[in-house]
């Protein structure tokens, strides 16, 4: 699992902030990106659990993308496939 703080530009149009008496629009929102690689048969279950844990019902809850990983190579050991995960 990899968790990264990211900036995104989405439909929620940013927010208005104030600095030293001046208002300005912040176009990018700070979000958290979670990347998880699991075996194919666990993908739906993991997506469901992430949805249950992360859903607030508010704009910005995010999206889950499920993709197939064709190959994994661990650079240090040159292991491939499931042993590289």
PDB file of N, CA and C in Angstrom:
ATOM      1  N   UNK A   1       0.853  -1.167   0.000  1.00  0.00           N
ATOM      2  CA  UNK A   1       0.000   0.000   0.000  1.00  0.00           C
ATOM      3  C   UNK A   1       0.901   1.232   0.000  1.00  0.00           C
ATOM      4  N   UNK A   2       0.535   2.191  -0.836  1.00  0.00           N
ATOM      5  CA  UNK A   2       1.223   3.476  -0.889  1.00  0.00           C
ATOM      6  C   UNK A   2       0.190   4.568  -0.660  1.00  0.00           C
ATOM      7  N   UNK A   3       0.478   5.482   0.254  1.00  0.00           N
ATOM      8  CA  UNK A   3      -0.411   6.601   0.544  1.00  0.00           C
ATOM      9  C   UNK A   3       0.359   7.880   0.232  1.00  0.00           C
ATOM     10  N   UNK A   4      -0.232   8.727  -0.632  1.00  0.00           N
ATOM     11  CA  UNK A   4       0.431   9.945  -1.086  1.00  0.00           C
ATOM     12  C   UNK A   4      -0.508  11.131  -0.930  1.00  0.00           C
ATOM     13  N   UNK A   5       0.015  12.242  -0.441  1.00  0.00           N
ATOM     14  CA  UNK A   5      -0.771  13.479  -0.417  1.00  0.00           C
ATOM     15  C   UNK A   5      -0.604  14.141  -1.776  1.00  0.00           C
ATOM     16  N   UNK A   6      -1.727  14.450  -2.426  1.00  0.00           N
ATOM     17  CA  UNK A   6      -1.676  15.013  -3.775  1.00  0.00           C
ATOM     18  C   UNK A   6      -2.505  16.285  -3.854  1.00  0.00           C
ATOM     19  N   UNK A   7      -2.319  17.025  -4.945  1.00  0.00           N
ATOM     20  CA  UNK A   7      -3.170  18.168  -5.267  1.00  0.00           C
ATOM     21  C   UNK A   7      -4.011  17.760  -6.455  1.00  0.00           C
ATOM     22  N   UNK A   8      -5.298  18.065  -6.409  1.00  0.00           N
ATOM     23  CA  UNK A   8      -6.132  17.733  -7.559  1.00  0.00           C
ATOM     24  C   UNK A   8      -7.002  18.917  -7.940  1.00  0.00           C
ATOM     25  N   UNK A   9      -7.446  18.893  -9.157  1.00  0.00           N
ATOM     26  CA  UNK A   9      -8.341  19.919  -9.675  1.00  0.00           C
ATOM     27  C   UNK A   9      -9.578  19.192 -10.141  1.00  0.00           C
ATOM     28  N   UNK A  10     -10.684  19.409  -9.459  1.00  0.00           N
ATOM     29  CA  UNK A  10     -11.891  18.660  -9.788  1.00  0.00           C
ATOM     30  C   UNK A  10     -13.089  19.562  -9.957  1.00  0.00           C
ATOM     31  N   UNK A  11     -14.250  18.953  -9.889  1.00  0.00           N
ATOM     32  CA  UNK A  11     -15.510  19.658 -10.099  1.00  0.00           C
ATOM     33  C   UNK A  11     -15.884  20.570  -8.939  1.00  0.00           C
ATOM     34  N   UNK A  12     -15.247  20.421  -7.782  1.00  0.00           N
ATOM     35  CA  UNK A  12     -15.628  21.245  -6.643  1.00  0.00           C
ATOM     36  C   UNK A  12     -15.041  22.653  -6.711  1.00  0.00           C
ATOM     37  N   UNK A  13     -14.373  23.014  -7.774  1.00  0.00           N
ATOM     38  CA  UNK A  13     -13.968  24.382  -8.115  1.00  0.00           C
ATOM     39  C   UNK A  13     -13.096  25.075  -7.084  1.00  0.00           C
ATOM     40  N   UNK A  14     -12.397  24.363  -6.259  1.00  0.00           N
ATOM     41  CA  UNK A  14     -11.495  24.984  -5.306  1.00  0.00           C
ATOM     42  C   UNK A  14     -12.223  25.694  -4.180  1.00  0.00           C
ATOM     43  N   UNK A  15     -11.492  26.555  -3.488  1.00  0.00           N
ATOM     44  CA  UNK A  15     -12.076  27.283  -2.368  1.00  0.00           C
ATOM     45  C   UNK A  15     -11.488  28.689  -2.330  1.00  0.00           C
ATOM     46  N   UNK A  16     -12.100  29.548  -1.537  1.00  0.00           N
ATOM     47  CA  UNK A  16     -11.593  30.908  -1.386  1.00  0.00           C
ATOM     48  C   UNK A  16     -10.878  30.998  -0.044  1.00  0.00           C
ATOM     49  N   UNK A  17      -9.638  31.490  -0.072  1.00  0.00           N
ATOM     50  CA  UNK A  17      -8.848  31.663   1.142  1.00  0.00           C
ATOM     51  C   UNK A  17      -8.505  33.136   1.302  1.00  0.00           C
ATOM     52  N   UNK A  18      -8.038  33.498   2.471  1.00  0.00           N
ATOM     53  CA  UNK A  18      -7.663  34.883   2.746  1.00  0.00           C
ATOM     54  C   UNK A  18      -6.238  34.884   3.297  1.00  0.00           C
ATOM     55  N   UNK A  19      -5.414  35.783   2.761  1.00  0.00           N
ATOM     56  CA  UNK A  19      -4.045  35.934   3.233  1.00  0.00           C
ATOM     57  C   UNK A  19      -3.736  37.416   3.313  1.00  0.00           C
ATOM     58  N   UNK A  20      -3.401  37.897   4.489  1.00  0.00           N
ATOM     59  CA  UNK A  20      -3.083  39.308   4.729  1.00  0.00           C
ATOM     60  C   UNK A  20      -4.154  40.248   4.179  1.00  0.00           C
ATOM     61  N   UNK A  21      -5.403  39.876   4.401  1.00  0.00           N
ATOM     62  CA  UNK A  21      -6.517  40.719   4.008  1.00  0.00           C
ATOM     63  C   UNK A  21      -6.958  40.595   2.563  1.00  0.00           C
ATOM     64  N   UNK A  22      -6.278  39.782   1.793  1.00  0.00           N
ATOM     65  CA  UNK A  22      -6.621  39.611   0.382  1.00  0.00           C
ATOM     66  C   UNK A  22      -7.220  38.234   0.167  1.00  0.00           C
ATOM     67  N   UNK A  23      -8.363  38.199  -0.509  1.00  0.00           N
ATOM     68  CA  UNK A  23      -8.974  36.914  -0.842  1.00  0.00           C
ATOM     69  C   UNK A  23      -8.400  36.397  -2.147  1.00  0.00           C
ATOM     70  N   UNK A  24      -8.191  35.103  -2.209  1.00  0.00           N
ATOM     71  CA  UNK A  24      -7.748  34.481  -3.452  1.00  0.00           C
ATOM     72  C   UNK A  24      -8.358  33.095  -3.547  1.00  0.00           C
ATOM     73  N   UNK A  25      -8.512  32.641  -4.766  1.00  0.00           N
ATOM     74  CA  UNK A  25      -9.114  31.336  -5.016  1.00  0.00           C
ATOM     75  C   UNK A  25      -8.018  30.281  -5.089  1.00  0.00           C
ATOM     76  N   UNK A  26      -8.189  29.240  -4.310  1.00  0.00           N
ATOM     77  CA  UNK A  26      -7.283  28.093  -4.354  1.00  0.00           C
ATOM     78  C   UNK A  26      -7.908  27.089  -5.308  1.00  0.00           C
ATOM     79  N   UNK A  27      -7.281  26.880  -6.443  1.00  0.00           N
ATOM     80  CA  UNK A  27      -7.850  26.021  -7.486  1.00  0.00           C
ATOM     81  C   UNK A  27      -7.632  24.532  -7.217  1.00  0.00           C
ATOM     82  N   UNK A  28      -6.561  24.211  -6.519  1.00  0.00           N
ATOM     83  CA  UNK A  28      -6.256  22.807  -6.280  1.00  0.00           C
ATOM     84  C   UNK A  28      -6.649  22.422  -4.862  1.00  0.00           C
ATOM     85  N   UNK A  29      -7.224  21.248  -4.734  1.00  0.00           N
ATOM     86  CA  UNK A  29      -7.559  20.722  -3.423  1.00  0.00           C
ATOM     87  C   UNK A  29      -6.518  19.702  -2.996  1.00  0.00           C
ATOM     88  N   UNK A  30      -6.269  19.610  -1.710  1.00  0.00           N
ATOM     89  CA  UNK A  30      -5.346  18.610  -1.177  1.00  0.00           C
ATOM     90  C   UNK A  30      -6.146  17.334  -0.932  1.00  0.00           C
ATOM     91  N   UNK A  31      -5.686  16.251  -1.495  1.00  0.00           N
ATOM     92  CA  UNK A  31      -6.358  14.956  -1.376  1.00  0.00           C
ATOM     93  C   UNK A  31      -5.350  13.895  -0.960  1.00  0.00           C
ATOM     94  N   UNK A  32      -5.840  12.744  -0.612  1.00  0.00           N
ATOM     95  CA  UNK A  32      -4.994  11.603  -0.305  1.00  0.00           C
ATOM     96  C   UNK A  32      -5.219  10.535  -1.359  1.00  0.00           C
ATOM     97  N   UNK A  33      -4.143  10.060  -1.942  1.00  0.00           N
ATOM     98  CA  UNK A  33      -4.211   9.003  -2.950  1.00  0.00           C
ATOM     99  C   UNK A  33      -3.690   7.718  -2.314  1.00  0.00           C
ATOM    100  N   UNK A  34      -4.482   6.661  -2.432  1.00  0.00           N
ATOM    101  CA  UNK A  34      -4.106   5.357  -1.893  1.00  0.00           C
ATOM    102  C   UNK A  34      -3.966   4.392  -3.057  1.00  0.00           C
ATOM    103  N   UNK A  35      -2.824   3.737  -3.141  1.00  0.00           N
ATOM    104  CA  UNK A  35      -2.600   2.737  -4.182  1.00  0.00           C
ATOM    105  C   UNK A  35      -2.371   1.385  -3.510  1.00  0.00           C
ATOM    106  N   UNK A  36      -3.141   0.399  -3.937  1.00  0.00           N
ATOM    107  CA  UNK A  36      -3.061  -0.935  -3.357  1.00  0.00           C
ATOM    108  C   UNK A  36      -3.021  -1.942  -4.493  1.00  0.00           C
ATOM    109  N   UNK A  37      -2.128  -2.897  -4.399  1.00  0.00           N
ATOM    110  CA  UNK A  37      -2.091  -3.983  -5.383  1.00  0.00           C
ATOM    111  C   UNK A  37      -2.448  -5.268  -4.654  1.00  0.00           C
ATOM    112  N   UNK A  38      -3.480  -5.934  -5.150  1.00  0.00           N
ATOM    113  CA  UNK A  38      -3.932  -7.192  -4.559  1.00  0.00           C
ATOM    114  C   UNK A  38      -4.179  -8.194  -5.676  1.00  0.00           C
ATOM    115  N   UNK A  39      -4.313  -9.441  -5.303  1.00  0.00           N
ATOM    116  CA  UNK A  39      -4.651 -10.461  -6.289  1.00  0.00           C
ATOM    117  C   UNK A  39      -6.039 -10.166  -6.855  1.00  0.00           C
ATOM    118  N   UNK A  40      -6.255 -10.532  -8.105  1.00  0.00           N
ATOM    119  CA  UNK A  40      -7.484 -10.190  -8.832  1.00  0.00           C
ATOM    120  C   UNK A  40      -8.750 -10.589  -8.080  1.00  0.00           C
ATOM    121  N   UNK A  41      -8.744 -11.746  -7.447  1.00  0.00           N
ATOM    122  CA  UNK A  41      -9.957 -12.204  -6.774  1.00  0.00           C
ATOM    123  C   UNK A  41     -10.277 -11.391  -5.513  1.00  0.00           C
ATOM    124  N   UNK A  42      -9.339 -10.575  -5.031  1.00  0.00           N
ATOM    125  CA  UNK A  42      -9.590  -9.739  -3.859  1.00  0.00           C
ATOM    126  C   UNK A  42      -9.959  -8.301  -4.217  1.00  0.00           C
ATOM    127  N   UNK A  43      -9.858  -7.935  -5.483  1.00  0.00           N
ATOM    128  CA  UNK A  43     -10.028  -6.539  -5.901  1.00  0.00           C
ATOM    129  C   UNK A  43     -11.384  -5.962  -5.500  1.00  0.00           C
ATOM    130  N   UNK A  44     -12.464  -6.663  -5.764  1.00  0.00           N
ATOM    131  CA  UNK A  44     -13.793  -6.143  -5.433  1.00  0.00           C
ATOM    132  C   UNK A  44     -13.981  -5.998  -3.924  1.00  0.00           C
ATOM    133  N   UNK A  45     -13.495  -6.961  -3.168  1.00  0.00           N
ATOM    134  CA  UNK A  45     -13.613  -6.905  -1.714  1.00  0.00           C
ATOM    135  C   UNK A  45     -12.823  -5.723  -1.149  1.00  0.00           C
ATOM    136  N   UNK A  46     -11.602  -5.531  -1.625  1.00  0.00           N
ATOM    137  CA  UNK A  46     -10.776  -4.417  -1.153  1.00  0.00           C
ATOM    138  C   UNK A  46     -11.426  -3.083  -1.523  1.00  0.00           C
ATOM    139  N   UNK A  47     -11.949  -2.968  -2.738  1.00  0.00           N
ATOM    140  CA  UNK A  47     -12.629  -1.742  -3.162  1.00  0.00           C
ATOM    141  C   UNK A  47     -13.836  -1.459  -2.273  1.00  0.00           C
ATOM    142  N   UNK A  48     -14.583  -2.495  -1.935  1.00  0.00           N
ATOM    143  CA  UNK A  48     -15.753  -2.336  -1.070  1.00  0.00           C
ATOM    144  C   UNK A  48     -15.336  -1.857   0.322  1.00  0.00           C
ATOM    145  N   UNK A  49     -14.281  -2.428   0.865  1.00  0.00           N
ATOM    146  CA  UNK A  49     -13.822  -2.041   2.201  1.00  0.00           C
ATOM    147  C   UNK A  49     -13.293  -0.609   2.223  1.00  0.00           C
ATOM    148  N   UNK A  50     -12.565  -0.220   1.178  1.00  0.00           N
ATOM    149  CA  UNK A  50     -12.081   1.162   1.088  1.00  0.00           C
ATOM    150  C   UNK A  50     -13.269   2.114   1.011  1.00  0.00           C
ATOM    151  N   UNK A  51     -14.284   1.757   0.233  1.00  0.00           N
ATOM    152  CA  UNK A  51     -15.484   2.588   0.114  1.00  0.00           C
ATOM    153  C   UNK A  51     -16.191   2.739   1.456  1.00  0.00           C
ATOM    154  N   UNK A  52     -16.324   1.650   2.179  1.00  0.00           N
ATOM    155  CA  UNK A  52     -16.990   1.702   3.481  1.00  0.00           C
ATOM    156  C   UNK A  52     -16.216   2.567   4.471  1.00  0.00           C
ATOM    157  N   UNK A  53     -14.904   2.440   4.464  1.00  0.00           N
ATOM    158  CA  UNK A  53     -14.082   3.186   5.420  1.00  0.00           C
ATOM    159  C   UNK A  53     -13.947   4.661   5.059  1.00  0.00           C
ATOM    160  N   UNK A  54     -13.974   4.976   3.768  1.00  0.00           N
ATOM    161  CA  UNK A  54     -13.684   6.336   3.349  1.00  0.00           C
ATOM    162  C   UNK A  54     -14.864   7.180   2.941  1.00  0.00           C
ATOM    163  N   UNK A  55     -16.042   6.602   2.851  1.00  0.00           N
ATOM    164  CA  UNK A  55     -17.201   7.342   2.350  1.00  0.00           C
ATOM    165  C   UNK A  55     -17.765   8.260   3.421  1.00  0.00           C
ATOM    166  N   UNK A  56     -17.930   9.537   3.052  1.00  0.00           N
ATOM    167  CA  UNK A  56     -18.570  10.504   3.947  1.00  0.00           C
ATOM    168  C   UNK A  56     -19.916  10.951   3.397  1.00  0.00           C
ATOM    169  N   UNK A  57     -20.152  10.688   2.104  1.00  0.00           N
ATOM    170  CA  UNK A  57     -21.367  11.158   1.466  1.00  0.00           C
ATOM    171  C   UNK A  57     -21.254  12.585   0.952  1.00  0.00           C
ATOM    172  N   UNK A  58     -20.080  13.173   1.091  1.00  0.00           N
ATOM    173  CA  UNK A  58     -19.848  14.551   0.668  1.00  0.00           C
ATOM    174  C   UNK A  58     -19.072  14.573  -0.644  1.00  0.00           C
ATOM    175  N   UNK A  59     -19.113  15.727  -1.320  1.00  0.00           N
ATOM    176  CA  UNK A  59     -18.310  15.912  -2.525  1.00  0.00           C
ATOM    177  C   UNK A  59     -16.843  15.722  -2.161  1.00  0.00           C
ATOM    178  N   UNK A  60     -16.125  15.006  -2.994  1.00  0.00           N
ATOM    179  CA  UNK A  60     -14.702  14.798  -2.752  1.00  0.00           C
ATOM    180  C   UNK A  60     -14.360  13.461  -2.130  1.00  0.00           C
ATOM    181  N   UNK A  61     -15.360  12.591  -1.963  1.00  0.00           N
ATOM    182  CA  UNK A  61     -15.074  11.264  -1.419  1.00  0.00           C
ATOM    183  C   UNK A  61     -14.088  10.496  -2.293  1.00  0.00           C
ATOM    184  N   UNK A  62     -14.041  10.816  -3.568  1.00  0.00           N
ATOM    185  CA  UNK A  62     -13.044  10.205  -4.442  1.00  0.00           C
ATOM    186  C   UNK A  62     -13.605   9.130  -5.336  1.00  0.00           C
ATOM    187  N   UNK A  63     -12.695   8.442  -5.976  1.00  0.00           N
ATOM    188  CA  UNK A  63     -13.023   7.377  -6.922  1.00  0.00           C
ATOM    189  C   UNK A  63     -12.087   6.207  -6.676  1.00  0.00           C
ATOM    190  N   UNK A  64     -12.525   5.048  -7.101  1.00  0.00           N
ATOM    191  CA  UNK A  64     -11.680   3.855  -7.058  1.00  0.00           C
ATOM    192  C   UNK A  64     -11.532   3.364  -8.485  1.00  0.00           C
ATOM    193  N   UNK A  65     -10.299   3.202  -8.906  1.00  0.00           N
ATOM    194  CA  UNK A  65     -10.005   2.647 -10.222  1.00  0.00           C
ATOM    195  C   UNK A  65      -9.444   1.252 -10.010  1.00  0.00           C
ATOM    196  N   UNK A  66      -9.978   0.279 -10.728  1.00  0.00           N
ATOM    197  CA  UNK A  66      -9.471  -1.089 -10.648  1.00  0.00           C
ATOM    198  C   UNK A  66      -8.820  -1.403 -11.985  1.00  0.00           C
ATOM    199  N   UNK A  67      -7.530  -1.707 -11.928  1.00  0.00           N
ATOM    200  CA  UNK A  67      -6.766  -1.995 -13.134  1.00  0.00           C
ATOM    201  C   UNK A  67      -6.050  -3.330 -12.983  1.00  0.00           C
ATOM    202  N   UNK A  68      -5.775  -3.940 -14.093  1.00  0.00           N
ATOM    203  CA  UNK A  68      -5.014  -5.182 -14.094  1.00  0.00           C
ATOM    204  C   UNK A  68      -3.532  -4.858 -14.215  1.00  0.00           C
ATOM    205  N   UNK A  69      -2.724  -5.473 -13.367  1.00  0.00           N
ATOM    206  CA  UNK A  69      -1.273  -5.317 -13.428  1.00  0.00           C
ATOM    207  C   UNK A  69      -0.720  -6.531 -14.159  1.00  0.00           C
ATOM    208  N   UNK A  70      -0.067  -6.284 -15.271  1.00  0.00           N
ATOM    209  CA  UNK A  70       0.436  -7.393 -16.085  1.00  0.00           C
ATOM    210  C   UNK A  70       1.656  -8.064 -15.480  1.00  0.00           C
ATOM    211  N   UNK A  71       2.541  -7.296 -14.902  1.00  0.00           N
ATOM    212  CA  UNK A  71       3.775  -7.866 -14.374  1.00  0.00           C
ATOM    213  C   UNK A  71       4.317  -6.956 -13.284  1.00  0.00           C
ATOM    214  N   UNK A  72       4.992  -7.552 -12.322  1.00  0.00           N
ATOM    215  CA  UNK A  72       5.670  -6.823 -11.257  1.00  0.00           C
ATOM    216  C   UNK A  72       7.105  -7.317 -11.220  1.00  0.00           C
ATOM    217  N   UNK A  73       8.042  -6.394 -11.110  1.00  0.00           N
ATOM    218  CA  UNK A  73       9.455  -6.752 -10.996  1.00  0.00           C
ATOM    219  C   UNK A  73      10.027  -5.987  -9.812  1.00  0.00           C
ATOM    220  N   UNK A  74      10.590  -6.706  -8.856  1.00  0.00           N
ATOM    221  CA  UNK A  74      11.286  -6.059  -7.742  1.00  0.00           C
ATOM    222  C   UNK A  74      12.705  -5.785  -8.220  1.00  0.00           C
ATOM    223  N   UNK A  75      13.060  -4.537  -8.288  1.00  0.00           N
ATOM    224  CA  UNK A  75      14.330  -4.149  -8.888  1.00  0.00           C
ATOM    225  C   UNK A  75      15.523  -4.742  -8.141  1.00  0.00           C
ATOM    226  N   UNK A  76      15.534  -4.664  -6.831  1.00  0.00           N
ATOM    227  CA  UNK A  76      16.683  -5.109  -6.045  1.00  0.00           C
ATOM    228  C   UNK A  76      16.994  -6.584  -6.233  1.00  0.00           C
ATOM    229  N   UNK A  77      15.959  -7.444  -6.184  1.00  0.00           N
ATOM    230  CA  UNK A  77      16.181  -8.895  -6.221  1.00  0.00           C
ATOM    231  C   UNK A  77      15.868  -9.526  -7.570  1.00  0.00           C
ATOM    232  N   UNK A  78      15.251  -8.753  -8.452  1.00  0.00           N
ATOM    233  CA  UNK A  78      14.814  -9.227  -9.764  1.00  0.00           C
ATOM    234  C   UNK A  78      13.684 -10.252  -9.683  1.00  0.00           C
ATOM    235  N   UNK A  79      13.054 -10.368  -8.507  1.00  0.00           N
ATOM    236  CA  UNK A  79      11.894 -11.251  -8.384  1.00  0.00           C
ATOM    237  C   UNK A  79      10.780 -10.708  -9.267  1.00  0.00           C
ATOM    238  N   UNK A  80       9.935 -11.612  -9.755  1.00  0.00           N
ATOM    239  CA  UNK A  80       8.812 -11.206 -10.584  1.00  0.00           C
ATOM    240  C   UNK A  80       7.528 -11.854 -10.073  1.00  0.00           C
ATOM    241  N   UNK A  81       6.414 -11.331 -10.556  1.00  0.00           N
ATOM    242  CA  UNK A  81       5.120 -11.913 -10.218  1.00  0.00           C
ATOM    243  C   UNK A  81       4.743 -11.699  -8.771  1.00  0.00           C
ATOM    244  N   UNK A  82       3.983 -12.625  -8.236  1.00  0.00           N
ATOM    245  CA  UNK A  82       3.422 -12.507  -6.891  1.00  0.00           C
ATOM    246  C   UNK A  82       4.507 -12.429  -5.815  1.00  0.00           C
ATOM    247  N   UNK A  83       5.652 -13.061  -6.036  1.00  0.00           N
ATOM    248  CA  UNK A  83       6.730 -13.004  -5.035  1.00  0.00           C
ATOM    249  C   UNK A  83       7.357 -11.616  -4.944  1.00  0.00           C
ATOM    250  N   UNK A  84       7.194 -10.807  -5.978  1.00  0.00           N
ATOM    251  CA  UNK A  84       7.734  -9.447  -5.958  1.00  0.00           C
ATOM    252  C   UNK A  84       6.849  -8.491  -5.172  1.00  0.00           C
ATOM    253  N   UNK A  85       5.613  -8.898  -4.922  1.00  0.00           N
ATOM    254  CA  UNK A  85       4.693  -8.042  -4.160  1.00  0.00           C
ATOM    255  C   UNK A  85       4.915  -8.310  -2.726  1.00  0.00           C
TER     256      UNK A  85
END
